All heavy atoms as atom14 arrays in JSON, in Angstrom:
{
  "sequence": "NVSDSPTERINFELTLITPSILDSELTVASWRNKDNRRPKS",
  "atom14_mask": [
    [1, 1, 1, 1, 1, 1, 1, 1, 0, 0, 0, 0, 0, 0],
    [1, 1, 1, 1, 1, 1, 1, 0, 0, 0, 0, 0, 0, 0],
    [1, 1, 1, 1, 1, 1, 0, 0, 0, 0, 0, 0, 0, 0],
    [1, 1, 1, 1, 1, 1, 1, 1, 0, 0, 0, 0, 0, 0],
    [1, 1, 1, 1, 1, 1, 0, 0, 0, 0, 0, 0, 0, 0],
    [1, 1, 1, 1, 1, 1, 1, 0, 0, 0, 0, 0, 0, 0],
    [1, 1, 1, 1, 1, 1, 1, 0, 0, 0, 0, 0, 0, 0],
    [1, 1, 1, 1, 1, 1, 1, 1, 1, 0, 0, 0, 0, 0],
    [1, 1, 1, 1, 1, 1, 1, 1, 1, 1, 1, 0, 0, 0],
    [1, 1, 1, 1, 1, 1, 1, 1, 0, 0, 0, 0, 0, 0],
    [1, 1, 1, 1, 1, 1, 1, 1, 0, 0, 0, 0, 0, 0],
    [1, 1, 1, 1, 1, 1, 1, 1, 1, 1, 1, 0, 0, 0],
    [1, 1, 1, 1, 1, 1, 1, 1, 1, 0, 0, 0, 0, 0],
    [1, 1, 1, 1, 1, 1, 1, 1, 0, 0, 0, 0, 0, 0],
    [1, 1, 1, 1, 1, 1, 1, 0, 0, 0, 0, 0, 0, 0],
    [1, 1, 1, 1, 1, 1, 1, 1, 0, 0, 0, 0, 0, 0],
    [1, 1, 1, 1, 1, 1, 1, 1, 0, 0, 0, 0, 0, 0],
    [1, 1, 1, 1, 1, 1, 1, 0, 0, 0, 0, 0, 0, 0],
    [1, 1, 1, 1, 1, 1, 1, 0, 0, 0, 0, 0, 0, 0],
    [1, 1, 1, 1, 1, 1, 0, 0, 0, 0, 0, 0, 0, 0],
    [1, 1, 1, 1, 1, 1, 1, 1, 0, 0, 0, 0, 0, 0],
    [1, 1, 1, 1, 1, 1, 1, 1, 0, 0, 0, 0, 0, 0],
    [1, 1, 1, 1, 1, 1, 1, 1, 0, 0, 0, 0, 0, 0],
    [1, 1, 1, 1, 1, 1, 0, 0, 0, 0, 0, 0, 0, 0],
    [1, 1, 1, 1, 1, 1, 1, 1, 1, 0, 0, 0, 0, 0],
    [1, 1, 1, 1, 1, 1, 1, 1, 0, 0, 0, 0, 0, 0],
    [1, 1, 1, 1, 1, 1, 1, 0, 0, 0, 0, 0, 0, 0],
    [1, 1, 1, 1, 1, 1, 1, 0, 0, 0, 0, 0, 0, 0],
    [1, 1, 1, 1, 1, 0, 0, 0, 0, 0, 0, 0, 0, 0],
    [1, 1, 1, 1, 1, 1, 0, 0, 0, 0, 0, 0, 0, 0],
    [1, 1, 1, 1, 1, 1, 1, 1, 1, 1, 1, 1, 1, 1],
    [1, 1, 1, 1, 1, 1, 1, 1, 1, 1, 1, 0, 0, 0],
    [1, 1, 1, 1, 1, 1, 1, 1, 0, 0, 0, 0, 0, 0],
    [1, 1, 1, 1, 1, 1, 1, 1, 1, 0, 0, 0, 0, 0],
    [1, 1, 1, 1, 1, 1, 1, 1, 0, 0, 0, 0, 0, 0],
    [1, 1, 1, 1, 1, 1, 1, 1, 0, 0, 0, 0, 0, 0],
    [1, 1, 1, 1, 1, 1, 1, 1, 1, 1, 1, 0, 0, 0],
    [1, 1, 1, 1, 1, 1, 1, 1, 1, 1, 1, 0, 0, 0],
    [1, 1, 1, 1, 1, 1, 1, 0, 0, 0, 0, 0, 0, 0],
    [1, 1, 1, 1, 1, 1, 1, 1, 1, 0, 0, 0, 0, 0],
    [1, 1, 1, 1, 1, 1, 0, 0, 0, 0, 0, 0, 0, 0]
  ],
  "atom14_positions": [
    [[2.32, -0.12, 15.77], [1.0, 0.46, 15.99], [0.58, 0.02, 17.4], [-0.3, -0.93, 17.63], [-0.11, 0.12, 14.99], [-0.38, 1.2, 13.99], [-0.15, 2.38, 14.29], [-0.83, 0.86, 12.74], [0.0, 0.0, 0.0], [0.0, 0.0, 0.0], [0.0, 0.0, 0.0], [0.0, 0.0, 0.0], [0.0, 0.0, 0.0], [0.0, 0.0, 0.0]],
    [[1.09, 0.65, 18.43], [0.83, 0.16, 19.76], [0.05, 1.15, 20.66], [-0.13, 0.9, 21.89], [2.12, -0.11, 20.45], [2.9, -1.37, 19.85], [3.07, 1.06, 20.49], [0.0, 0.0, 0.0], [0.0, 0.0, 0.0], [0.0, 0.0, 0.0], [0.0, 0.0, 0.0], [0.0, 0.0, 0.0], [0.0, 0.0, 0.0], [0.0, 0.0, 0.0]],
    [[-0.46, 2.16, 20.07], [-1.16, 3.15, 20.88], [-2.62, 2.63, 21.13], [-3.24, 1.92, 20.38], [-1.32, 4.47, 20.05], [-2.08, 5.5, 20.71], [0.0, 0.0, 0.0], [0.0, 0.0, 0.0], [0.0, 0.0, 0.0], [0.0, 0.0, 0.0], [0.0, 0.0, 0.0], [0.0, 0.0, 0.0], [0.0, 0.0, 0.0], [0.0, 0.0, 0.0]],
    [[-3.13, 2.95, 22.45], [-4.42, 2.63, 22.82], [-5.45, 3.51, 22.21], [-6.62, 3.09, 22.06], [-4.58, 2.75, 24.32], [-3.7, 1.65, 25.14], [-3.41, 0.59, 24.42], [-3.31, 1.94, 26.22], [0.0, 0.0, 0.0], [0.0, 0.0, 0.0], [0.0, 0.0, 0.0], [0.0, 0.0, 0.0], [0.0, 0.0, 0.0], [0.0, 0.0, 0.0]],
    [[-5.04, 4.64, 21.82], [-5.98, 5.58, 21.18], [-6.04, 5.43, 19.66], [-4.95, 5.33, 18.93], [-5.55, 7.12, 21.32], [-6.32, 7.93, 20.66], [0.0, 0.0, 0.0], [0.0, 0.0, 0.0], [0.0, 0.0, 0.0], [0.0, 0.0, 0.0], [0.0, 0.0, 0.0], [0.0, 0.0, 0.0], [0.0, 0.0, 0.0], [0.0, 0.0, 0.0]],
    [[-7.28, 5.12, 19.0], [-7.28, 4.84, 17.62], [-6.93, 5.98, 16.77], [-6.56, 5.76, 15.6], [-8.95, 4.56, 17.43], [-9.55, 5.2, 18.65], [-8.6, 5.14, 19.78], [0.0, 0.0, 0.0], [0.0, 0.0, 0.0], [0.0, 0.0, 0.0], [0.0, 0.0, 0.0], [0.0, 0.0, 0.0], [0.0, 0.0, 0.0], [0.0, 0.0, 0.0]],
    [[-7.04, 7.25, 17.42], [-6.69, 8.5, 16.5], [-5.19, 8.56, 16.44], [-4.6, 9.47, 15.75], [-7.3, 9.68, 17.17], [-6.89, 9.87, 18.57], [-8.8, 9.66, 17.11], [0.0, 0.0, 0.0], [0.0, 0.0, 0.0], [0.0, 0.0, 0.0], [0.0, 0.0, 0.0], [0.0, 0.0, 0.0], [0.0, 0.0, 0.0], [0.0, 0.0, 0.0]],
    [[-4.42, 7.82, 17.38], [-3.02, 8.04, 17.37], [-2.33, 6.86, 16.54], [-0.97, 6.89, 16.39], [-2.48, 8.04, 18.74], [-2.9, 9.27, 19.59], [-2.34, 9.25, 21.01], [-1.7, 8.24, 21.43], [-2.73, 10.13, 21.7], [0.0, 0.0, 0.0], [0.0, 0.0, 0.0], [0.0, 0.0, 0.0], [0.0, 0.0, 0.0], [0.0, 0.0, 0.0]],
    [[-2.98, 5.99, 16.09], [-2.44, 4.77, 15.4], [-1.89, 5.26, 14.03], [-2.5, 6.2, 13.35], [-3.47, 3.74, 15.22], [-3.75, 2.99, 16.48], [-4.79, 1.96, 16.39], [-4.38, 0.85, 15.54], [-3.65, -0.15, 15.99], [-3.3, -0.2, 17.19], [-3.29, -1.16, 15.12], [0.0, 0.0, 0.0], [0.0, 0.0, 0.0], [0.0, 0.0, 0.0]],
    [[-0.83, 4.66, 13.55], [-0.09, 5.09, 12.35], [-0.67, 4.17, 11.14], [-0.76, 2.98, 11.3], [1.33, 4.89, 12.58], [1.89, 5.73, 13.67], [2.15, 5.37, 11.2], [3.41, 5.56, 14.06], [0.0, 0.0, 0.0], [0.0, 0.0, 0.0], [0.0, 0.0, 0.0], [0.0, 0.0, 0.0], [0.0, 0.0, 0.0], [0.0, 0.0, 0.0]],
    [[-0.84, 4.87, 10.07], [-1.36, 4.19, 8.82], [-0.17, 3.84, 8.05], [0.37, 4.63, 7.21], [-2.54, 5.01, 8.12], [-3.67, 5.26, 8.91], [-4.17, 4.33, 9.56], [-4.24, 6.41, 8.92], [0.0, 0.0, 0.0], [0.0, 0.0, 0.0], [0.0, 0.0, 0.0], [0.0, 0.0, 0.0], [0.0, 0.0, 0.0], [0.0, 0.0, 0.0]],
    [[0.32, 2.62, 8.13], [1.4, 2.04, 7.31], [0.75, 1.61, 5.91], [-0.24, 1.04, 5.96], [2.24, 1.1, 7.96], [2.87, 1.59, 9.18], [2.48, 1.28, 10.42], [4.12, 2.31, 9.09], [3.19, 1.59, 11.57], [4.78, 2.71, 10.25], [4.23, 2.36, 11.42], [0.0, 0.0, 0.0], [0.0, 0.0, 0.0], [0.0, 0.0, 0.0]],
    [[1.58, 1.81, 4.86], [1.26, 1.17, 3.57], [2.53, 0.63, 2.99], [3.62, 1.24, 3.1], [0.64, 2.07, 2.64], [0.15, 1.49, 1.35], [-0.79, 2.36, 0.6], [-0.71, 3.61, 0.84], [-1.37, 1.82, -0.42], [0.0, 0.0, 0.0], [0.0, 0.0, 0.0], [0.0, 0.0, 0.0], [0.0, 0.0, 0.0], [0.0, 0.0, 0.0]],
    [[2.46, -0.64, 2.44], [3.56, -1.2, 1.75], [3.26, -1.62, 0.36], [2.15, -2.24, 0.11], [4.02, -2.54, 2.59], [5.21, -3.2, 1.99], [6.55, -2.38, 1.99], [5.55, -4.54, 2.81], [0.0, 0.0, 0.0], [0.0, 0.0, 0.0], [0.0, 0.0, 0.0], [0.0, 0.0, 0.0], [0.0, 0.0, 0.0], [0.0, 0.0, 0.0]],
    [[3.96, -1.09, -0.56], [3.77, -1.53, -1.96], [4.95, -2.05, -2.65], [6.08, -1.78, -2.28], [3.27, -0.16, -2.73], [4.38, 0.71, -2.68], [1.95, 0.34, -2.21], [0.0, 0.0, 0.0], [0.0, 0.0, 0.0], [0.0, 0.0, 0.0], [0.0, 0.0, 0.0], [0.0, 0.0, 0.0], [0.0, 0.0, 0.0], [0.0, 0.0, 0.0]],
    [[4.75, -2.85, -3.73], [5.8, -3.25, -4.52], [5.67, -2.73, -5.96], [4.68, -2.85, -6.67], [5.58, -4.84, -4.76], [6.56, -5.44, -5.85], [8.06, -5.24, -5.53], [6.31, -6.9, -5.9], [0.0, 0.0, 0.0], [0.0, 0.0, 0.0], [0.0, 0.0, 0.0], [0.0, 0.0, 0.0], [0.0, 0.0, 0.0], [0.0, 0.0, 0.0]],
    [[6.65, -1.81, -6.37], [6.6, -1.26, -7.72], [7.57, -2.01, -8.55], [8.72, -2.26, -8.13], [7.05, 0.28, -7.53], [6.0, 1.05, -6.68], [7.23, 0.86, -8.99], [6.21, 2.49, -6.69], [0.0, 0.0, 0.0], [0.0, 0.0, 0.0], [0.0, 0.0, 0.0], [0.0, 0.0, 0.0], [0.0, 0.0, 0.0], [0.0, 0.0, 0.0]],
    [[7.06, -2.5, -9.74], [7.89, -3.23, -10.57], [7.34, -3.17, -11.99], [6.15, -2.79, -12.08], [7.84, -4.73, -10.13], [8.71, -5.46, -10.92], [6.32, -5.33, -10.37], [0.0, 0.0, 0.0], [0.0, 0.0, 0.0], [0.0, 0.0, 0.0], [0.0, 0.0, 0.0], [0.0, 0.0, 0.0], [0.0, 0.0, 0.0], [0.0, 0.0, 0.0]],
    [[8.11, -3.54, -13.07], [7.62, -3.35, -14.4], [6.44, -4.22, -14.58], [6.42, -5.39, -14.17], [8.72, -3.8, -15.21], [10.04, -3.48, -14.43], [9.59, -3.73, -12.99], [0.0, 0.0, 0.0], [0.0, 0.0, 0.0], [0.0, 0.0, 0.0], [0.0, 0.0, 0.0], [0.0, 0.0, 0.0], [0.0, 0.0, 0.0], [0.0, 0.0, 0.0]],
    [[5.35, -3.79, -15.28], [4.18, -4.53, -15.51], [4.46, -5.54, -16.66], [5.22, -5.13, -17.69], [3.11, -3.66, -16.06], [1.96, -4.36, -16.48], [0.0, 0.0, 0.0], [0.0, 0.0, 0.0], [0.0, 0.0, 0.0], [0.0, 0.0, 0.0], [0.0, 0.0, 0.0], [0.0, 0.0, 0.0], [0.0, 0.0, 0.0], [0.0, 0.0, 0.0]],
    [[3.91, -6.8, -16.6], [4.13, -7.8, -17.58], [3.25, -7.39, -18.88], [3.49, -7.87, -19.95], [3.78, -9.08, -17.13], [4.76, -9.51, -15.95], [3.87, -10.23, -18.12], [4.4, -10.76, -15.23], [0.0, 0.0, 0.0], [0.0, 0.0, 0.0], [0.0, 0.0, 0.0], [0.0, 0.0, 0.0], [0.0, 0.0, 0.0], [0.0, 0.0, 0.0]],
    [[2.19, -6.6, -18.51], [1.28, -6.32, -19.61], [1.75, -5.22, -20.62], [1.61, -5.43, -21.74], [-0.06, -5.74, -18.96], [-0.8, -6.63, -18.09], [-2.0, -6.0, -17.46], [-1.38, -7.88, -18.9], [0.0, 0.0, 0.0], [0.0, 0.0, 0.0], [0.0, 0.0, 0.0], [0.0, 0.0, 0.0], [0.0, 0.0, 0.0], [0.0, 0.0, 0.0]],
    [[2.49, -4.25, -20.09], [2.94, -3.09, -20.92], [4.29, -2.63, -20.65], [4.84, -1.63, -21.26], [1.95, -1.9, -20.83], [1.78, -1.49, -19.33], [2.74, -1.55, -18.59], [0.69, -1.03, -19.06], [0.0, 0.0, 0.0], [0.0, 0.0, 0.0], [0.0, 0.0, 0.0], [0.0, 0.0, 0.0], [0.0, 0.0, 0.0], [0.0, 0.0, 0.0]],
    [[5.07, -3.34, -19.74], [6.43, -3.02, -19.29], [6.69, -1.75, -18.58], [7.8, -1.39, -18.21], [7.39, -3.03, -20.64], [7.37, -4.26, -21.35], [0.0, 0.0, 0.0], [0.0, 0.0, 0.0], [0.0, 0.0, 0.0], [0.0, 0.0, 0.0], [0.0, 0.0, 0.0], [0.0, 0.0, 0.0], [0.0, 0.0, 0.0], [0.0, 0.0, 0.0]],
    [[5.63, -0.92, -18.46], [5.82, 0.28, -17.67], [5.68, -0.17, -16.19], [5.12, -1.08, -15.72], [4.63, 1.34, -17.98], [4.76, 1.76, -19.39], [5.83, 2.84, -19.55], [6.39, 3.28, -18.53], [6.15, 3.33, -20.54], [0.0, 0.0, 0.0], [0.0, 0.0, 0.0], [0.0, 0.0, 0.0], [0.0, 0.0, 0.0], [0.0, 0.0, 0.0]],
    [[6.12, 0.77, -15.3], [6.12, 0.49, -13.93], [4.67, 0.44, -13.34], [3.79, 1.22, -13.83], [6.92, 1.54, -13.12], [8.44, 1.54, -13.29], [9.07, 2.62, -12.39], [8.99, 0.2, -12.96], [0.0, 0.0, 0.0], [0.0, 0.0, 0.0], [0.0, 0.0, 0.0], [0.0, 0.0, 0.0], [0.0, 0.0, 0.0], [0.0, 0.0, 0.0]],
    [[4.44, -0.43, -12.42], [3.15, -0.53, -11.74], [3.22, -0.81, -10.35], [4.24, -1.35, -9.9], [2.27, -1.5, -12.59], [0.82, -1.38, -12.09], [2.67, -3.04, -12.35], [0.0, 0.0, 0.0], [0.0, 0.0, 0.0], [0.0, 0.0, 0.0], [0.0, 0.0, 0.0], [0.0, 0.0, 0.0], [0.0, 0.0, 0.0], [0.0, 0.0, 0.0]],
    [[2.11, -0.9, -9.62], [2.16, -1.43, -8.29], [1.51, -2.83, -8.38], [0.32, -3.0, -8.58], [1.24, -0.6, -7.3], [1.03, -1.14, -5.95], [1.71, 0.86, -7.12], [0.0, 0.0, 0.0], [0.0, 0.0, 0.0], [0.0, 0.0, 0.0], [0.0, 0.0, 0.0], [0.0, 0.0, 0.0], [0.0, 0.0, 0.0], [0.0, 0.0, 0.0]],
    [[2.51, -3.78, -8.27], [2.02, -5.16, -8.48], [1.35, -5.77, -7.2], [0.53, -6.75, -7.31], [3.31, -5.99, -8.9], [0.0, 0.0, 0.0], [0.0, 0.0, 0.0], [0.0, 0.0, 0.0], [0.0, 0.0, 0.0], [0.0, 0.0, 0.0], [0.0, 0.0, 0.0], [0.0, 0.0, 0.0], [0.0, 0.0, 0.0], [0.0, 0.0, 0.0]],
    [[1.68, -5.26, -6.07], [1.16, -5.72, -4.85], [1.15, -4.66, -3.81], [1.99, -3.85, -3.75], [1.9, -7.02, -4.35], [1.39, -7.52, -3.2], [0.0, 0.0, 0.0], [0.0, 0.0, 0.0], [0.0, 0.0, 0.0], [0.0, 0.0, 0.0], [0.0, 0.0, 0.0], [0.0, 0.0, 0.0], [0.0, 0.0, 0.0], [0.0, 0.0, 0.0]],
    [[0.15, -4.72, -2.85], [0.11, -3.65, -1.91], [-0.58, -4.16, -0.63], [-1.27, -5.15, -0.71], [-0.68, -2.39, -2.41], [-2.15, -2.73, -2.65], [-3.17, -2.71, -1.91], [-2.49, -3.14, -4.01], [-4.32, -3.02, -2.56], [-4.0, -3.38, -3.85], [-1.9, -3.39, -5.25], [-4.77, -3.74, -4.97], [-2.76, -3.81, -6.33], [-4.18, -3.96, -6.11]],
    [[-0.38, -3.49, 0.49], [-1.02, -3.77, 1.77], [-1.09, -2.62, 2.63], [-0.09, -1.93, 2.8], [-0.27, -4.95, 2.47], [-1.12, -5.51, 3.72], [-2.42, -6.16, 3.28], [-2.96, -6.96, 4.29], [-3.86, -6.51, 5.41], [-4.15, -5.09, 5.28], [-4.25, -7.17, 6.25], [0.0, 0.0, 0.0], [0.0, 0.0, 0.0], [0.0, 0.0, 0.0]],
    [[-2.29, -2.27, 3.13], [-2.42, -1.18, 4.13], [-3.61, -1.51, 5.1], [-4.11, -2.66, 5.0], [-2.87, 0.21, 3.27], [-3.99, -0.04, 2.29], [-5.06, -0.52, 2.72], [-3.69, 0.24, 1.09], [0.0, 0.0, 0.0], [0.0, 0.0, 0.0], [0.0, 0.0, 0.0], [0.0, 0.0, 0.0], [0.0, 0.0, 0.0], [0.0, 0.0, 0.0]],
    [[-3.87, -0.6, 5.89], [-4.87, -0.94, 6.94], [-6.17, -1.46, 6.49], [-6.73, -2.36, 7.02], [-5.07, 0.39, 7.77], [-6.05, 0.24, 8.95], [-6.33, 1.52, 9.73], [-7.01, 2.56, 8.85], [-7.33, 3.72, 9.51], [0.0, 0.0, 0.0], [0.0, 0.0, 0.0], [0.0, 0.0, 0.0], [0.0, 0.0, 0.0], [0.0, 0.0, 0.0]],
    [[-6.69, -0.76, 5.33], [-7.93, -1.2, 4.79], [-7.82, -2.12, 3.67], [-8.83, -2.47, 2.96], [-8.81, 0.06, 4.36], [-9.0, 1.02, 5.66], [-9.36, 0.45, 6.64], [-8.7, 2.18, 5.37], [0.0, 0.0, 0.0], [0.0, 0.0, 0.0], [0.0, 0.0, 0.0], [0.0, 0.0, 0.0], [0.0, 0.0, 0.0], [0.0, 0.0, 0.0]],
    [[-6.53, -2.4, 3.36], [-6.22, -3.24, 2.01], [-6.87, -2.58, 0.83], [-7.41, -3.15, -0.09], [-6.79, -4.76, 2.19], [-5.94, -5.56, 1.26], [-4.83, -5.33, 0.87], [-6.6, -6.76, 0.95], [0.0, 0.0, 0.0], [0.0, 0.0, 0.0], [0.0, 0.0, 0.0], [0.0, 0.0, 0.0], [0.0, 0.0, 0.0], [0.0, 0.0, 0.0]],
    [[-6.77, -1.22, 0.86], [-7.36, -0.44, -0.14], [-6.38, -0.27, -1.38], [-5.29, -0.05, -1.18], [-7.78, 0.94, 0.36], [-8.59, 1.75, -0.62], [-9.06, 3.09, 0.09], [-9.86, 2.83, 1.22], [-10.23, 3.69, 2.2], [-9.64, 4.85, 2.17], [-10.96, 3.37, 3.1], [0.0, 0.0, 0.0], [0.0, 0.0, 0.0], [0.0, 0.0, 0.0]],
    [[-6.87, -0.36, -2.59], [-6.06, -0.12, -3.73], [-5.46, 1.25, -3.8], [-6.18, 2.19, -3.67], [-6.93, -0.38, -5.08], [-6.17, -0.71, -6.3], [-7.21, -1.2, -7.3], [-6.49, -1.63, -8.48], [-6.55, -0.89, -9.65], [-7.13, 0.35, -9.7], [-5.98, -1.32, -10.68], [0.0, 0.0, 0.0], [0.0, 0.0, 0.0], [0.0, 0.0, 0.0]],
    [[-4.27, 1.4, -4.16], [-3.54, 2.65, -4.25], [-4.28, 3.57, -5.22], [-4.64, 3.14, -6.31], [-2.05, 2.4, -4.62], [-1.91, 1.0, -4.17], [-3.15, 0.24, -4.32], [0.0, 0.0, 0.0], [0.0, 0.0, 0.0], [0.0, 0.0, 0.0], [0.0, 0.0, 0.0], [0.0, 0.0, 0.0], [0.0, 0.0, 0.0], [0.0, 0.0, 0.0]],
    [[-4.41, 4.82, -4.83], [-5.1, 5.81, -5.72], [-4.38, 6.01, -7.01], [-5.02, 6.29, -8.07], [-5.24, 7.1, -4.99], [-6.15, 7.2, -3.8], [-6.23, 8.52, -3.33], [-7.27, 8.73, -2.16], [-7.29, 10.05, -1.6], [0.0, 0.0, 0.0], [0.0, 0.0, 0.0], [0.0, 0.0, 0.0], [0.0, 0.0, 0.0], [0.0, 0.0, 0.0]],
    [[-3.09, 5.9, -6.95], [-2.24, 6.13, -8.15], [-2.57, 5.04, -9.25], [-2.53, 5.36, -10.5], [-0.74, 6.03, -7.95], [-0.39, 4.87, -7.27], [0.0, 0.0, 0.0], [0.0, 0.0, 0.0], [0.0, 0.0, 0.0], [0.0, 0.0, 0.0], [0.0, 0.0, 0.0], [0.0, 0.0, 0.0], [0.0, 0.0, 0.0], [0.0, 0.0, 0.0]]
  ]
}
């Protein structure tokens, strides 16, 4: 994200998908994005 223009900056998101300890179904256990916003899914 090296652009001087804020409209040209790329929105990266990194998530970790792994089985949940609560119900054994897959979940997003951890995530990080520009706004540190919780994934919609």
